[in-house]
């Protein structure tokens, strides 16, 4: 019983991690673009 519960929890954690990673990737793209634009604006002044 314990092993089954542990493996089930692991699967749930993996799914949650995947969702988190996908969300981070979706957020990272516009954030990186925004930082690049801001940094370029500071350098070019």
N, C-alpha and C. Protein backbone atom coordinates (compact mmCIF):
# COMPACT_ATOMS: atom_id res chain seq x y z
N UNK A 1 0.84 -1.21 0.00
CA UNK A 1 0.00 0.00 0.00
C UNK A 1 0.88 1.26 0.00
N UNK A 2 1.87 1.26 0.86
CA UNK A 2 2.71 2.46 0.96
C UNK A 2 3.45 2.73 -0.34
N UNK A 3 3.98 1.66 -0.96
CA UNK A 3 4.73 1.82 -2.21
C UNK A 3 3.83 2.40 -3.29
N UNK A 4 2.59 1.88 -3.38
CA UNK A 4 1.66 2.39 -4.39
C UNK A 4 1.37 3.88 -4.15
N UNK A 5 1.16 4.23 -2.89
CA UNK A 5 0.87 5.63 -2.59
C UNK A 5 2.07 6.51 -2.94
N UNK A 6 3.26 6.03 -2.65
CA UNK A 6 4.47 6.80 -2.93
C UNK A 6 4.64 7.01 -4.43
N UNK A 7 4.44 5.93 -5.21
CA UNK A 7 4.61 6.05 -6.66
C UNK A 7 3.54 6.97 -7.23
N UNK A 8 2.31 6.87 -6.70
CA UNK A 8 1.23 7.74 -7.16
C UNK A 8 1.57 9.20 -6.89
N UNK A 9 2.12 9.45 -5.69
CA UNK A 9 2.51 10.82 -5.35
C UNK A 9 3.60 11.31 -6.28
N UNK A 10 4.53 10.42 -6.62
CA UNK A 10 5.62 10.79 -7.52
C UNK A 10 5.09 11.20 -8.88
N UNK A 11 4.10 10.45 -9.38
CA UNK A 11 3.52 10.79 -10.68
C UNK A 11 2.85 12.16 -10.62
N UNK A 12 2.14 12.40 -9.55
CA UNK A 12 1.48 13.69 -9.40
C UNK A 12 2.52 14.81 -9.35
N UNK A 13 3.60 14.60 -8.62
CA UNK A 13 4.65 15.61 -8.51
C UNK A 13 5.28 15.87 -9.88
N UNK A 14 5.50 14.80 -10.66
CA UNK A 14 6.08 14.99 -11.98
C UNK A 14 5.17 15.84 -12.86
N UNK A 15 3.88 15.56 -12.81
CA UNK A 15 2.93 16.35 -13.61
C UNK A 15 2.97 17.81 -13.16
N UNK A 16 3.00 18.02 -11.85
CA UNK A 16 3.02 19.38 -11.33
C UNK A 16 4.31 20.07 -11.75
N UNK A 17 5.44 19.36 -11.69
CA UNK A 17 6.71 19.94 -12.10
C UNK A 17 6.67 20.31 -13.57
N UNK A 18 6.07 19.44 -14.40
CA UNK A 18 5.98 19.72 -15.84
C UNK A 18 5.16 20.98 -16.07
N UNK A 19 4.05 21.11 -15.37
CA UNK A 19 3.23 22.31 -15.51
C UNK A 19 4.02 23.54 -15.08
N UNK A 20 4.76 23.42 -13.99
CA UNK A 20 5.56 24.54 -13.50
C UNK A 20 6.63 24.93 -14.51
N UNK A 21 7.30 23.92 -15.08
CA UNK A 21 8.35 24.18 -16.08
C UNK A 21 7.75 24.86 -17.30
N UNK A 22 6.59 24.35 -17.76
CA UNK A 22 5.94 24.96 -18.92
C UNK A 22 5.58 26.41 -18.62
N UNK A 23 5.06 26.67 -17.42
CA UNK A 23 4.69 28.02 -17.04
C UNK A 23 5.92 28.92 -16.98
N UNK A 24 7.01 28.40 -16.43
CA UNK A 24 8.26 29.18 -16.37
C UNK A 24 8.75 29.52 -17.76
N UNK A 25 8.67 28.55 -18.68
CA UNK A 25 9.11 28.78 -20.06
C UNK A 25 8.25 29.85 -20.71
N UNK A 26 6.93 29.76 -20.51
CA UNK A 26 6.02 30.75 -21.10
C UNK A 26 6.31 32.14 -20.54
N UNK A 27 6.64 32.22 -19.25
CA UNK A 27 6.93 33.52 -18.65
C UNK A 27 8.34 34.00 -19.02
N UNK A 28 9.27 33.07 -19.18
CA UNK A 28 10.67 33.43 -19.42
C UNK A 28 10.85 34.10 -20.77
N UNK A 29 10.07 33.68 -21.78
CA UNK A 29 10.24 34.25 -23.12
C UNK A 29 9.94 35.75 -23.14
N UNK A 30 8.74 36.20 -22.74
CA UNK A 30 8.48 37.64 -22.75
C UNK A 30 9.37 38.41 -21.77
N UNK A 31 9.67 37.79 -20.62
CA UNK A 31 10.52 38.46 -19.63
C UNK A 31 11.92 38.69 -20.20
N UNK A 32 12.49 37.67 -20.86
CA UNK A 32 13.83 37.80 -21.44
C UNK A 32 13.82 38.85 -22.55
N UNK A 33 12.76 38.85 -23.36
CA UNK A 33 12.66 39.86 -24.42
C UNK A 33 12.57 41.25 -23.81
N UNK A 34 11.77 41.39 -22.77
CA UNK A 34 11.62 42.69 -22.11
C UNK A 34 12.94 43.15 -21.52
N UNK A 35 13.65 42.25 -20.84
CA UNK A 35 14.95 42.60 -20.26
C UNK A 35 15.94 42.99 -21.35
N UNK A 36 15.91 42.28 -22.48
CA UNK A 36 16.81 42.60 -23.58
C UNK A 36 16.53 44.00 -24.11
N UNK A 37 15.25 44.32 -24.28
CA UNK A 37 14.87 45.65 -24.78
C UNK A 37 15.30 46.73 -23.78
N UNK A 38 15.04 46.50 -22.50
CA UNK A 38 15.41 47.47 -21.46
C UNK A 38 16.93 47.65 -21.42
N UNK A 39 17.66 46.52 -21.44
CA UNK A 39 19.12 46.59 -21.40
C UNK A 39 19.67 47.32 -22.62
N UNK A 40 19.11 47.02 -23.80
CA UNK A 40 19.55 47.69 -25.03
C UNK A 40 19.25 49.19 -24.93
N UNK A 41 18.10 49.53 -24.38
CA UNK A 41 17.74 50.94 -24.23
C UNK A 41 18.71 51.65 -23.29
N UNK A 42 19.13 50.99 -22.22
CA UNK A 42 20.08 51.59 -21.29
C UNK A 42 21.43 51.78 -21.95
N UNK A 43 21.88 50.77 -22.70
CA UNK A 43 23.19 50.83 -23.35
C UNK A 43 23.20 51.91 -24.43
N UNK A 44 22.13 51.92 -25.24
CA UNK A 44 22.06 52.90 -26.33
C UNK A 44 21.68 54.28 -25.79
N UNK A 45 21.10 54.30 -24.60
CA UNK A 45 20.84 55.53 -23.90
C UNK A 45 19.81 56.43 -24.55
